[in-house]
Amino acid sequence: MARGPLVHGCRQAGFTLVEVVMVMIIIGALSVIAVSKYNRDAFDVAAAAGELVQAIRYAQDKSMTHSGATNYQIEISASGYSVTQGGTAIVHPVTGAAGYSRTWSDIGFSPTATIVFDAYGDPGLATPLSITVSKGADSDTVTVEDVTGFAR
């Protein structure tokens, strides 16, 4: 099948530079509006709750793998937490700094509690423990199961 001759002067499909620039300006304006609506408190609360869950799991894991007479525990205060072994500070597993603890000036934890894990990972709780992590109007809940010690 033969094609006919090319026709010169046809209009090509596409966008002009002016159209592309206008779309970019509109997207930029919408981005400024979206960023001004950004709520950092919700992200701070989620990050603090995630750190607390990891610290609880670390204390449980160390209690189950440690053969000493003193088990690991996590002390939760109104402004943070501290992982200890029999009340004595331990080395941070990532940074190597003395003391595995974290405190916040603008995030609250309630209720305060001390969870002591035995050699089987049992936290010794009578019922599941729900810890509320909050900042401003935003909050998240970390739950430690009573028999298994699973934190979520």
N, C-alpha and C. Protein backbone atom coordinates (compact mmCIF):
# COMPACT_ATOMS: atom_id res chain seq x y z
N MET A 1 0.84 -1.16 0.00
CA MET A 1 0.00 0.00 0.00
C MET A 1 0.90 1.23 0.00
N ALA A 2 0.76 2.04 -0.99
CA ALA A 2 1.61 3.21 -1.14
C ALA A 2 1.01 4.39 -0.41
N ARG A 3 1.87 5.19 0.15
CA ARG A 3 1.41 6.39 0.84
C ARG A 3 1.47 7.56 -0.13
N GLY A 4 0.63 8.49 0.15
CA GLY A 4 0.62 9.69 -0.68
C GLY A 4 1.77 10.61 -0.30
N PRO A 5 1.96 11.66 -1.04
CA PRO A 5 3.04 12.60 -0.76
C PRO A 5 2.81 13.31 0.57
N LEU A 6 3.93 13.70 1.22
CA LEU A 6 3.84 14.42 2.48
C LEU A 6 3.25 15.80 2.23
N VAL A 7 2.38 16.18 3.08
CA VAL A 7 1.77 17.49 2.96
C VAL A 7 2.50 18.43 3.90
N HIS A 8 3.07 19.48 3.34
CA HIS A 8 3.79 20.44 4.17
C HIS A 8 2.81 21.47 4.72
N GLY A 9 3.14 21.96 5.90
CA GLY A 9 2.31 22.98 6.48
C GLY A 9 1.23 22.44 7.40
N CYS A 10 1.19 21.10 7.67
CA CYS A 10 0.18 20.60 8.60
C CYS A 10 0.57 20.97 10.02
N ARG A 11 -0.41 21.10 10.79
CA ARG A 11 -0.20 21.43 12.19
C ARG A 11 0.19 20.17 12.94
N GLN A 12 1.28 20.23 13.70
CA GLN A 12 1.74 19.07 14.47
C GLN A 12 1.09 19.09 15.85
N ALA A 13 0.80 17.89 16.37
CA ALA A 13 0.20 17.79 17.70
C ALA A 13 1.26 18.03 18.76
N GLY A 14 0.85 18.60 19.89
CA GLY A 14 1.78 18.84 21.01
C GLY A 14 1.36 20.07 21.79
N PHE A 15 2.19 20.42 22.77
CA PHE A 15 1.92 21.58 23.61
C PHE A 15 2.92 22.67 23.30
N THR A 16 2.48 23.89 23.42
CA THR A 16 3.41 25.00 23.25
C THR A 16 4.14 25.24 24.56
N LEU A 17 5.22 25.96 24.49
CA LEU A 17 6.01 26.27 25.68
C LEU A 17 5.19 27.08 26.68
N VAL A 18 4.35 27.96 26.20
CA VAL A 18 3.51 28.78 27.07
C VAL A 18 2.55 27.90 27.86
N GLU A 19 1.95 26.91 27.21
CA GLU A 19 1.03 26.01 27.89
C GLU A 19 1.74 25.20 28.97
N VAL A 20 2.92 24.70 28.68
CA VAL A 20 3.68 23.91 29.66
C VAL A 20 4.05 24.77 30.86
N VAL A 21 4.49 26.00 30.63
CA VAL A 21 4.86 26.90 31.72
C VAL A 21 3.64 27.23 32.58
N MET A 22 2.51 27.46 31.97
CA MET A 22 1.29 27.77 32.74
C MET A 22 0.88 26.59 33.63
N VAL A 23 0.97 25.38 33.11
CA VAL A 23 0.64 24.20 33.91
C VAL A 23 1.59 24.08 35.09
N MET A 24 2.88 24.35 34.87
CA MET A 24 3.85 24.28 35.97
C MET A 24 3.57 25.33 37.03
N ILE A 25 3.15 26.52 36.63
CA ILE A 25 2.81 27.57 37.60
C ILE A 25 1.60 27.16 38.42
N ILE A 26 0.60 26.59 37.78
CA ILE A 26 -0.60 26.14 38.51
C ILE A 26 -0.24 25.03 39.49
N ILE A 27 0.57 24.07 39.07
CA ILE A 27 0.99 22.98 39.97
C ILE A 27 1.78 23.54 41.15
N GLY A 28 2.63 24.52 40.91
CA GLY A 28 3.39 25.15 42.00
C GLY A 28 2.48 25.83 43.00
N ALA A 29 1.47 26.53 42.52
CA ALA A 29 0.53 27.21 43.42
C ALA A 29 -0.25 26.20 44.25
N LEU A 30 -0.68 25.12 43.64
CA LEU A 30 -1.40 24.08 44.38
C LEU A 30 -0.50 23.41 45.41
N SER A 31 0.78 23.25 45.10
CA SER A 31 1.72 22.66 46.05
C SER A 31 1.89 23.53 47.28
N VAL A 32 1.95 24.83 47.10
CA VAL A 32 2.07 25.75 48.23
C VAL A 32 0.86 25.62 49.14
N ILE A 33 -0.31 25.53 48.56
CA ILE A 33 -1.53 25.37 49.35
C ILE A 33 -1.52 24.04 50.10
N ALA A 34 -1.11 22.97 49.43
CA ALA A 34 -1.09 21.65 50.06
C ALA A 34 -0.09 21.59 51.21
N VAL A 35 1.08 22.18 51.05
CA VAL A 35 2.10 22.16 52.10
C VAL A 35 1.62 22.94 53.32
N SER A 36 0.87 24.01 53.11
CA SER A 36 0.38 24.78 54.25
C SER A 36 -0.65 24.00 55.06
N LYS A 37 -1.27 23.00 54.48
CA LYS A 37 -2.25 22.16 55.19
C LYS A 37 -1.60 20.96 55.86
N TYR A 38 -0.30 20.79 55.68
CA TYR A 38 0.45 19.65 56.19
C TYR A 38 0.45 19.63 57.71
N ASN A 39 0.09 18.51 58.33
CA ASN A 39 0.03 18.36 59.78
C ASN A 39 1.19 17.49 60.24
N ARG A 40 2.20 18.09 60.79
CA ARG A 40 3.38 17.36 61.22
C ARG A 40 3.12 16.54 62.48
N ASP A 41 2.19 16.96 63.33
CA ASP A 41 1.93 16.26 64.58
C ASP A 41 1.58 14.79 64.36
N ALA A 42 0.78 14.50 63.36
CA ALA A 42 0.40 13.11 63.10
C ALA A 42 1.61 12.26 62.76
N PHE A 43 2.55 12.81 62.00
CA PHE A 43 3.75 12.06 61.65
C PHE A 43 4.67 11.89 62.85
N ASP A 44 4.78 12.92 63.69
CA ASP A 44 5.60 12.81 64.90
C ASP A 44 5.06 11.74 65.84
N VAL A 45 3.74 11.69 65.99
CA VAL A 45 3.12 10.68 66.86
C VAL A 45 3.35 9.28 66.30
N ALA A 46 3.17 9.10 65.01
CA ALA A 46 3.39 7.78 64.40
C ALA A 46 4.84 7.34 64.55
N ALA A 47 5.78 8.27 64.39
CA ALA A 47 7.20 7.93 64.54
C ALA A 47 7.53 7.55 65.98
N ALA A 48 7.01 8.30 66.95
CA ALA A 48 7.26 7.99 68.36
C ALA A 48 6.65 6.65 68.74
N ALA A 49 5.44 6.37 68.25
CA ALA A 49 4.80 5.08 68.54
C ALA A 49 5.61 3.94 67.93
N GLY A 50 6.11 4.14 66.73
CA GLY A 50 6.95 3.12 66.09
C GLY A 50 8.23 2.87 66.86
N GLU A 51 8.86 3.93 67.35
CA GLU A 51 10.07 3.77 68.16
C GLU A 51 9.78 3.02 69.45
N LEU A 52 8.64 3.32 70.07
CA LEU A 52 8.26 2.63 71.31
C LEU A 52 8.05 1.14 71.06
N VAL A 53 7.37 0.81 69.98
CA VAL A 53 7.15 -0.61 69.63
C VAL A 53 8.49 -1.32 69.45
N GLN A 54 9.42 -0.69 68.75
CA GLN A 54 10.73 -1.32 68.53
C GLN A 54 11.49 -1.50 69.83
N ALA A 55 11.40 -0.54 70.74
CA ALA A 55 12.08 -0.65 72.03
C ALA A 55 11.47 -1.77 72.87
N ILE A 56 10.15 -1.90 72.84
CA ILE A 56 9.49 -2.98 73.58
C ILE A 56 9.92 -4.33 73.01
N ARG A 57 9.93 -4.46 71.70
CA ARG A 57 10.34 -5.72 71.07
C ARG A 57 11.81 -6.03 71.37
N TYR A 58 12.65 -5.00 71.42
CA TYR A 58 14.06 -5.21 71.73
C TYR A 58 14.22 -5.74 73.16
N ALA A 59 13.52 -5.12 74.11
CA ALA A 59 13.61 -5.58 75.51
C ALA A 59 13.12 -7.02 75.63
N GLN A 60 12.05 -7.36 74.94
CA GLN A 60 11.54 -8.72 74.98
C GLN A 60 12.54 -9.70 74.38
N ASP A 61 13.09 -9.35 73.24
CA ASP A 61 14.06 -10.22 72.57
C ASP A 61 15.30 -10.44 73.43
N LYS A 62 15.82 -9.38 74.03
CA LYS A 62 17.01 -9.51 74.88
C LYS A 62 16.71 -10.37 76.11
N SER A 63 15.51 -10.27 76.67
CA SER A 63 15.16 -11.10 77.82
C SER A 63 15.11 -12.58 77.44
N MET A 64 14.64 -12.86 76.24
CA MET A 64 14.53 -14.26 75.82
C MET A 64 15.87 -14.85 75.42
N THR A 65 16.81 -14.02 74.96
CA THR A 65 18.10 -14.55 74.52
C THR A 65 19.19 -14.39 75.57
N HIS A 66 18.92 -13.64 76.62
CA HIS A 66 19.90 -13.41 77.68
C HIS A 66 19.74 -14.49 78.75
N SER A 67 20.84 -15.10 79.13
CA SER A 67 20.75 -16.20 80.09
C SER A 67 21.03 -15.76 81.52
N GLY A 68 21.12 -14.46 81.75
CA GLY A 68 21.42 -13.96 83.09
C GLY A 68 20.22 -14.03 84.01
N ALA A 69 20.46 -13.74 85.27
CA ALA A 69 19.40 -13.79 86.27
C ALA A 69 18.51 -12.55 86.22
N THR A 70 19.00 -11.47 85.61
CA THR A 70 18.25 -10.22 85.56
C THR A 70 17.70 -10.01 84.15
N ASN A 71 16.39 -9.84 84.07
CA ASN A 71 15.75 -9.67 82.77
C ASN A 71 15.70 -8.21 82.36
N TYR A 72 15.43 -8.00 81.09
CA TYR A 72 15.33 -6.66 80.54
C TYR A 72 13.93 -6.11 80.78
N GLN A 73 13.86 -4.81 80.86
CA GLN A 73 12.57 -4.17 81.09
C GLN A 73 12.54 -2.84 80.34
N ILE A 74 11.33 -2.34 80.15
CA ILE A 74 11.16 -1.02 79.55
C ILE A 74 10.32 -0.19 80.49
N GLU A 75 10.84 0.97 80.81
CA GLU A 75 10.15 1.90 81.69
C GLU A 75 9.57 3.02 80.83
N ILE A 76 8.26 3.15 80.85
CA ILE A 76 7.58 4.16 80.04
C ILE A 76 7.17 5.30 80.96
N SER A 77 7.70 6.49 80.67
CA SER A 77 7.36 7.67 81.47
C SER A 77 6.37 8.53 80.69
N ALA A 78 6.02 9.66 81.25
CA ALA A 78 5.07 10.56 80.59
C ALA A 78 5.65 11.21 79.34
N SER A 79 6.99 11.20 79.22
CA SER A 79 7.61 11.87 78.07
C SER A 79 8.54 10.98 77.26
N GLY A 80 8.58 9.68 77.53
CA GLY A 80 9.46 8.81 76.77
C GLY A 80 9.59 7.42 77.36
N TYR A 81 10.71 6.78 77.07
CA TYR A 81 10.93 5.42 77.55
C TYR A 81 12.41 5.19 77.79
N SER A 82 12.70 4.11 78.52
CA SER A 82 14.08 3.71 78.79
C SER A 82 14.12 2.20 78.89
N VAL A 83 15.04 1.57 78.17
CA VAL A 83 15.23 0.12 78.24
C VAL A 83 16.40 -0.13 79.17
N THR A 84 16.18 -0.97 80.17
CA THR A 84 17.22 -1.27 81.15
C THR A 84 17.30 -2.77 81.39
N GLN A 85 18.35 -3.16 82.06
CA GLN A 85 18.48 -4.55 82.50
C GLN A 85 18.53 -4.51 84.02
N GLY A 86 17.42 -4.90 84.63
CA GLY A 86 17.33 -4.85 86.08
C GLY A 86 17.47 -3.45 86.64
N GLY A 87 17.04 -2.44 85.90
CA GLY A 87 17.13 -1.06 86.34
C GLY A 87 18.44 -0.38 85.98
N THR A 88 19.39 -1.12 85.39
CA THR A 88 20.67 -0.55 84.99
C THR A 88 20.64 -0.23 83.50
N ALA A 89 21.12 0.95 83.16
CA ALA A 89 21.12 1.38 81.75
C ALA A 89 21.94 0.42 80.90
N ILE A 90 21.49 0.21 79.67
CA ILE A 90 22.21 -0.64 78.72
C ILE A 90 22.73 0.21 77.58
N VAL A 91 23.60 -0.35 76.78
CA VAL A 91 24.16 0.35 75.62
C VAL A 91 23.12 0.35 74.50
N HIS A 92 22.98 1.48 73.84
CA HIS A 92 22.04 1.59 72.72
C HIS A 92 22.49 0.64 71.62
N PRO A 93 21.59 -0.20 71.08
CA PRO A 93 21.98 -1.21 70.10
C PRO A 93 22.45 -0.64 68.75
N VAL A 94 22.06 0.56 68.41
CA VAL A 94 22.44 1.14 67.12
C VAL A 94 23.60 2.12 67.25
N THR A 95 23.48 3.05 68.17
CA THR A 95 24.49 4.11 68.28
C THR A 95 25.68 3.70 69.14
N GLY A 96 25.49 2.74 70.04
CA GLY A 96 26.57 2.34 70.95
C GLY A 96 26.73 3.29 72.12
N ALA A 97 25.86 4.28 72.21
CA ALA A 97 25.92 5.25 73.31
C ALA A 97 25.41 4.61 74.60
N ALA A 98 25.86 5.14 75.71
CA ALA A 98 25.40 4.64 77.01
C ALA A 98 23.94 5.02 77.20
N GLY A 99 23.12 4.04 77.52
CA GLY A 99 21.70 4.29 77.77
C GLY A 99 20.85 4.16 76.53
N TYR A 100 19.86 3.28 76.61
CA TYR A 100 18.90 3.11 75.52
C TYR A 100 17.62 3.76 75.99
N SER A 101 17.50 5.06 75.74
CA SER A 101 16.31 5.79 76.17
C SER A 101 16.01 6.89 75.17
N ARG A 102 14.79 7.39 75.27
CA ARG A 102 14.38 8.48 74.38
C ARG A 102 13.33 9.29 75.10
N THR A 103 13.48 10.60 75.07
CA THR A 103 12.47 11.49 75.64
C THR A 103 12.11 12.56 74.62
N TRP A 104 10.88 13.01 74.71
CA TRP A 104 10.37 14.07 73.84
C TRP A 104 9.85 15.19 74.72
N SER A 105 9.96 16.41 74.25
CA SER A 105 9.43 17.54 75.01
C SER A 105 7.99 17.84 74.62
N ASP A 106 7.56 17.37 73.46
CA ASP A 106 6.23 17.72 72.97
C ASP A 106 5.32 16.52 72.70
N ILE A 107 5.76 15.32 73.07
CA ILE A 107 4.95 14.11 72.88
C ILE A 107 4.74 13.47 74.24
N GLY A 108 3.50 13.05 74.50
CA GLY A 108 3.17 12.45 75.79
C GLY A 108 2.83 10.97 75.67
N PHE A 109 3.12 10.23 76.73
CA PHE A 109 2.82 8.80 76.81
C PHE A 109 1.97 8.57 78.06
N SER A 110 0.90 7.81 77.92
CA SER A 110 0.11 7.46 79.10
C SER A 110 -0.56 6.11 78.88
N PRO A 111 -0.65 5.29 79.89
CA PRO A 111 -0.18 5.52 81.25
C PRO A 111 1.32 5.24 81.35
N THR A 112 1.91 5.68 82.46
CA THR A 112 3.30 5.31 82.72
C THR A 112 3.30 3.88 83.22
N ALA A 113 4.32 3.13 82.85
CA ALA A 113 4.36 1.71 83.23
C ALA A 113 5.78 1.19 83.12
N THR A 114 6.03 0.10 83.83
CA THR A 114 7.28 -0.64 83.69
C THR A 114 6.92 -2.06 83.30
N ILE A 115 7.45 -2.51 82.18
CA ILE A 115 7.17 -3.86 81.69
C ILE A 115 8.45 -4.67 81.84
N VAL A 116 8.39 -5.73 82.63
CA VAL A 116 9.55 -6.59 82.85
C VAL A 116 9.27 -7.92 82.15
N PHE A 117 10.11 -8.26 81.19
CA PHE A 117 9.94 -9.50 80.44
C PHE A 117 10.72 -10.62 81.12
N ASP A 118 10.10 -11.81 81.19
CA ASP A 118 10.82 -12.97 81.72
C ASP A 118 11.58 -13.67 80.59
N ALA A 119 12.20 -14.79 80.90
CA ALA A 119 13.02 -15.51 79.92
C ALA A 119 12.21 -16.07 78.76
N TYR A 120 10.89 -16.12 78.91
CA TYR A 120 10.02 -16.62 77.84
C TYR A 120 9.37 -15.49 77.04
N GLY A 121 9.69 -14.26 77.37
CA GLY A 121 9.11 -13.12 76.68
C GLY A 121 7.78 -12.68 77.23
N ASP A 122 7.35 -13.27 78.34
CA ASP A 122 6.09 -12.92 78.98
C ASP A 122 6.27 -11.60 79.74
N PRO A 123 5.42 -10.62 79.47
CA PRO A 123 5.58 -9.33 80.14
C PRO A 123 5.00 -9.29 81.55
N GLY A 124 4.34 -10.35 81.97
CA GLY A 124 3.78 -10.39 83.32
C GLY A 124 2.59 -9.45 83.50
N LEU A 125 1.86 -9.20 82.45
CA LEU A 125 0.69 -8.32 82.53
C LEU A 125 -0.57 -9.15 82.76
N ALA A 126 -1.50 -8.63 83.55
CA ALA A 126 -2.77 -9.33 83.78
C ALA A 126 -3.71 -9.16 82.59
N THR A 127 -3.63 -8.03 81.92
CA THR A 127 -4.45 -7.73 80.75
C THR A 127 -3.57 -7.01 79.73
N PRO A 128 -3.98 -6.94 78.48
CA PRO A 128 -3.19 -6.19 77.50
C PRO A 128 -3.02 -4.73 77.96
N LEU A 129 -1.85 -4.18 77.73
CA LEU A 129 -1.56 -2.81 78.11
C LEU A 129 -1.63 -1.92 76.87
N SER A 130 -2.48 -0.91 76.92
CA SER A 130 -2.60 0.05 75.82
C SER A 130 -1.95 1.35 76.25
N ILE A 131 -0.97 1.79 75.48
CA ILE A 131 -0.23 3.02 75.77
C ILE A 131 -0.61 4.04 74.70
N THR A 132 -1.09 5.18 75.13
CA THR A 132 -1.47 6.24 74.21
C THR A 132 -0.30 7.20 74.02
N VAL A 133 0.06 7.40 72.77
CA VAL A 133 1.11 8.35 72.40
C VAL A 133 0.40 9.54 71.77
N SER A 134 0.62 10.75 72.31
CA SER A 134 -0.14 11.89 71.81
C SER A 134 0.69 13.16 71.69
N LYS A 135 0.25 13.99 70.75
CA LYS A 135 0.82 15.32 70.55
C LYS A 135 -0.29 16.19 70.00
N GLY A 136 -0.66 17.21 70.75
CA GLY A 136 -1.77 18.05 70.32
C GLY A 136 -3.05 17.24 70.23
N ALA A 137 -3.73 17.35 69.12
CA ALA A 137 -4.98 16.62 68.92
C ALA A 137 -4.76 15.24 68.31
N ASP A 138 -3.52 14.91 67.96
CA ASP A 138 -3.23 13.62 67.32
C ASP A 138 -2.75 12.61 68.35
N SER A 139 -3.18 11.36 68.19
CA SER A 139 -2.75 10.29 69.10
C SER A 139 -2.71 8.96 68.37
N ASP A 140 -1.96 8.04 68.95
CA ASP A 140 -1.84 6.68 68.43
C ASP A 140 -1.76 5.76 69.65
N THR A 141 -2.12 4.52 69.48
CA THR A 141 -2.10 3.58 70.60
C THR A 141 -1.16 2.43 70.30
N VAL A 142 -0.30 2.13 71.27
CA VAL A 142 0.58 0.97 71.21
C VAL A 142 0.03 -0.04 72.21
N THR A 143 -0.20 -1.26 71.77
CA THR A 143 -0.75 -2.30 72.64
C THR A 143 0.28 -3.40 72.85
N VAL A 144 0.46 -3.79 74.12
CA VAL A 144 1.33 -4.91 74.47
C VAL A 144 0.42 -6.02 74.98
N GLU A 145 0.45 -7.16 74.30
CA GLU A 145 -0.41 -8.29 74.69
C GLU A 145 0.07 -8.88 76.02
N ASP A 146 -0.89 -9.37 76.81
CA ASP A 146 -0.57 -9.81 78.16
C ASP A 146 0.24 -11.10 78.23
N VAL A 147 -0.02 -12.10 77.44
CA VAL A 147 0.69 -13.38 77.56
C VAL A 147 1.92 -13.43 76.65
N THR A 148 1.74 -13.02 75.41
CA THR A 148 2.84 -13.14 74.44
C THR A 148 3.81 -11.96 74.49
N GLY A 149 3.37 -10.81 74.96
CA GLY A 149 4.21 -9.63 74.97
C GLY A 149 4.34 -8.98 73.62
N PHE A 150 3.56 -9.43 72.65
CA PHE A 150 3.63 -8.85 71.31
C PHE A 150 3.20 -7.39 71.36
N ALA A 151 4.00 -6.52 70.77
CA ALA A 151 3.70 -5.08 70.75
C ALA A 151 3.29 -4.68 69.35
N ARG A 152 2.21 -3.91 69.28
CA ARG A 152 1.74 -3.41 67.99
C ARG A 152 1.16 -2.03 68.16
